[in-house]
Amino acid sequence: LTGKRNTKPEAELLAGFAEDAMALGAQAIVLAGTDLSSFYSEAPPDYPHIDLAKAHIGQIMAIS
């Protein structure tokens, strides 16, 4: 992904990858790393997902 984050073509491309993975039996898509987490910072994706950046931040905040 290049240029401006979360453009419509980029979001559609990622949604297509997610749809393909779900068709193969995936139950959710893991958003690993801050790049994908920040990609969806304004609105979450329409597919089932687990945002690991948010999970890590939650754990850090819980122990601090």
N, C-alpha and C. Protein backbone atom coordinates (compact mmCIF):
# COMPACT_ATOMS: atom_id res chain seq x y z
N LEU A 1 0.84 -1.17 0.00
CA LEU A 1 0.00 0.00 0.00
C LEU A 1 0.88 1.23 0.00
N THR A 2 0.60 2.13 -0.88
CA THR A 2 1.42 3.33 -0.97
C THR A 2 0.56 4.57 -0.97
N GLY A 3 1.19 5.70 -0.69
CA GLY A 3 0.46 6.96 -0.76
C GLY A 3 -0.44 7.18 0.44
N LYS A 4 -1.55 7.89 0.21
CA LYS A 4 -2.51 8.20 1.26
C LYS A 4 -3.10 6.92 1.84
N ARG A 5 -3.21 6.90 3.14
CA ARG A 5 -3.74 5.70 3.82
C ARG A 5 -5.24 5.56 3.63
N ASN A 6 -5.67 4.32 3.56
CA ASN A 6 -7.07 3.93 3.53
C ASN A 6 -7.83 4.58 2.38
N THR A 7 -7.24 4.53 1.20
CA THR A 7 -7.98 4.98 0.03
C THR A 7 -8.99 3.90 -0.33
N LYS A 8 -10.00 4.25 -1.07
CA LYS A 8 -11.04 3.28 -1.44
C LYS A 8 -10.44 2.08 -2.18
N PRO A 9 -9.56 2.26 -3.16
CA PRO A 9 -8.98 1.09 -3.84
C PRO A 9 -8.19 0.18 -2.89
N GLU A 10 -7.46 0.78 -1.95
CA GLU A 10 -6.69 -0.03 -1.00
C GLU A 10 -7.63 -0.79 -0.06
N ALA A 11 -8.66 -0.13 0.42
CA ALA A 11 -9.62 -0.79 1.31
C ALA A 11 -10.33 -1.93 0.58
N GLU A 12 -10.67 -1.72 -0.68
CA GLU A 12 -11.32 -2.77 -1.46
C GLU A 12 -10.38 -3.95 -1.70
N LEU A 13 -9.11 -3.67 -1.93
CA LEU A 13 -8.12 -4.73 -2.12
C LEU A 13 -8.01 -5.58 -0.86
N LEU A 14 -7.87 -4.93 0.29
CA LEU A 14 -7.76 -5.67 1.55
C LEU A 14 -9.05 -6.43 1.86
N ALA A 15 -10.18 -5.83 1.56
CA ALA A 15 -11.46 -6.52 1.79
C ALA A 15 -11.55 -7.76 0.90
N GLY A 16 -11.04 -7.66 -0.32
CA GLY A 16 -11.02 -8.82 -1.21
C GLY A 16 -10.15 -9.94 -0.66
N PHE A 17 -8.98 -9.58 -0.11
CA PHE A 17 -8.12 -10.59 0.51
C PHE A 17 -8.85 -11.24 1.69
N ALA A 18 -9.52 -10.43 2.49
CA ALA A 18 -10.25 -10.95 3.64
C ALA A 18 -11.38 -11.88 3.19
N GLU A 19 -12.10 -11.48 2.15
CA GLU A 19 -13.19 -12.31 1.63
C GLU A 19 -12.65 -13.66 1.15
N ASP A 20 -11.52 -13.64 0.46
CA ASP A 20 -10.90 -14.89 -0.01
C ASP A 20 -10.51 -15.78 1.16
N ALA A 21 -9.93 -15.18 2.19
CA ALA A 21 -9.53 -15.95 3.37
C ALA A 21 -10.74 -16.55 4.07
N MET A 22 -11.82 -15.78 4.18
CA MET A 22 -13.04 -16.28 4.81
C MET A 22 -13.63 -17.44 4.00
N ALA A 23 -13.56 -17.34 2.68
CA ALA A 23 -14.08 -18.42 1.83
C ALA A 23 -13.28 -19.70 2.03
N LEU A 24 -12.03 -19.56 2.44
CA LEU A 24 -11.18 -20.73 2.69
C LEU A 24 -11.30 -21.23 4.13
N GLY A 25 -12.15 -20.59 4.94
CA GLY A 25 -12.41 -21.07 6.28
C GLY A 25 -11.90 -20.20 7.41
N ALA A 26 -11.29 -19.06 7.11
CA ALA A 26 -10.84 -18.18 8.19
C ALA A 26 -12.04 -17.66 8.97
N GLN A 27 -11.89 -17.52 10.27
CA GLN A 27 -12.96 -16.99 11.10
C GLN A 27 -12.80 -15.50 11.35
N ALA A 28 -11.57 -15.00 11.24
CA ALA A 28 -11.28 -13.57 11.41
C ALA A 28 -9.94 -13.28 10.77
N ILE A 29 -9.72 -12.02 10.48
CA ILE A 29 -8.45 -11.57 9.92
C ILE A 29 -7.69 -10.87 11.04
N VAL A 30 -6.43 -11.21 11.19
CA VAL A 30 -5.58 -10.59 12.20
C VAL A 30 -4.91 -9.37 11.59
N LEU A 31 -5.16 -8.21 12.19
CA LEU A 31 -4.48 -6.99 11.78
C LEU A 31 -3.23 -6.88 12.66
N ALA A 32 -2.12 -7.35 12.13
CA ALA A 32 -0.88 -7.39 12.90
C ALA A 32 0.01 -6.23 12.50
N GLY A 33 0.47 -5.50 13.46
CA GLY A 33 1.35 -4.36 13.20
C GLY A 33 0.59 -3.06 13.15
N THR A 34 1.29 -2.00 13.42
CA THR A 34 0.66 -0.70 13.50
C THR A 34 0.20 -0.18 12.14
N ASP A 35 0.80 -0.66 11.06
CA ASP A 35 0.39 -0.18 9.74
C ASP A 35 -1.07 -0.51 9.46
N LEU A 36 -1.48 -1.75 9.71
CA LEU A 36 -2.88 -2.11 9.45
C LEU A 36 -3.81 -1.53 10.50
N SER A 37 -3.35 -1.45 11.72
CA SER A 37 -4.18 -0.84 12.76
C SER A 37 -4.46 0.61 12.43
N SER A 38 -3.43 1.34 12.02
CA SER A 38 -3.63 2.75 11.69
C SER A 38 -4.40 2.92 10.38
N PHE A 39 -4.30 1.94 9.49
CA PHE A 39 -5.05 1.99 8.24
C PHE A 39 -6.55 2.09 8.52
N TYR A 40 -6.99 1.39 9.56
CA TYR A 40 -8.41 1.38 9.92
C TYR A 40 -8.71 2.24 11.14
N SER A 41 -7.88 3.25 11.41
CA SER A 41 -8.07 4.04 12.62
C SER A 41 -9.37 4.86 12.63
N GLU A 42 -9.84 5.25 11.45
CA GLU A 42 -11.07 6.06 11.40
C GLU A 42 -12.33 5.20 11.38
N ALA A 43 -12.24 4.01 10.82
CA ALA A 43 -13.40 3.11 10.77
C ALA A 43 -12.90 1.68 10.64
N PRO A 44 -13.43 0.78 11.45
CA PRO A 44 -12.98 -0.61 11.37
C PRO A 44 -13.43 -1.26 10.06
N PRO A 45 -12.73 -2.32 9.66
CA PRO A 45 -13.15 -3.01 8.44
C PRO A 45 -14.51 -3.68 8.64
N ASP A 46 -15.16 -4.01 7.53
CA ASP A 46 -16.48 -4.64 7.58
C ASP A 46 -16.42 -6.14 7.83
N TYR A 47 -15.23 -6.71 7.86
CA TYR A 47 -15.09 -8.15 8.06
C TYR A 47 -14.62 -8.44 9.50
N PRO A 48 -14.86 -9.66 9.99
CA PRO A 48 -14.41 -10.02 11.33
C PRO A 48 -12.89 -9.88 11.42
N HIS A 49 -12.42 -9.23 12.46
CA HIS A 49 -10.99 -9.00 12.58
C HIS A 49 -10.56 -8.93 14.05
N ILE A 50 -9.26 -9.10 14.25
CA ILE A 50 -8.64 -8.94 15.56
C ILE A 50 -7.52 -7.93 15.36
N ASP A 51 -7.58 -6.81 16.05
CA ASP A 51 -6.57 -5.76 15.94
C ASP A 51 -5.54 -5.97 17.04
N LEU A 52 -4.39 -6.54 16.68
CA LEU A 52 -3.39 -6.84 17.69
C LEU A 52 -2.75 -5.60 18.30
N ALA A 53 -2.65 -4.52 17.56
CA ALA A 53 -2.09 -3.29 18.13
C ALA A 53 -2.98 -2.82 19.29
N LYS A 54 -4.29 -2.83 19.08
CA LYS A 54 -5.21 -2.42 20.14
C LYS A 54 -5.14 -3.38 21.33
N ALA A 55 -5.00 -4.68 21.05
CA ALA A 55 -4.89 -5.67 22.13
C ALA A 55 -3.62 -5.43 22.94
N HIS A 56 -2.51 -5.15 22.27
CA HIS A 56 -1.26 -4.90 22.97
C HIS A 56 -1.35 -3.63 23.81
N ILE A 57 -1.92 -2.59 23.26
CA ILE A 57 -2.06 -1.34 24.01
C ILE A 57 -2.94 -1.55 25.24
N GLY A 58 -4.01 -2.31 25.07
CA GLY A 58 -4.88 -2.60 26.21
C GLY A 58 -4.15 -3.33 27.32
N GLN A 59 -3.31 -4.28 26.95
CA GLN A 59 -2.54 -5.02 27.96
C GLN A 59 -1.51 -4.12 28.64
N ILE A 60 -0.85 -3.29 27.87
CA ILE A 60 0.13 -2.36 28.44
C ILE A 60 -0.55 -1.43 29.44
N MET A 61 -1.70 -0.92 29.07
CA MET A 61 -2.43 0.00 29.96
C MET A 61 -2.92 -0.72 31.20
N ALA A 62 -3.26 -1.98 31.08
CA ALA A 62 -3.78 -2.74 32.22
C ALA A 62 -2.70 -3.01 33.27
N ILE A 63 -1.45 -3.09 32.84
CA ILE A 63 -0.38 -3.41 33.81
C ILE A 63 0.40 -2.18 34.26
N SER A 64 0.08 -1.03 33.70
CA SER A 64 0.83 0.18 34.10
C SER A 64 0.15 0.94 35.20
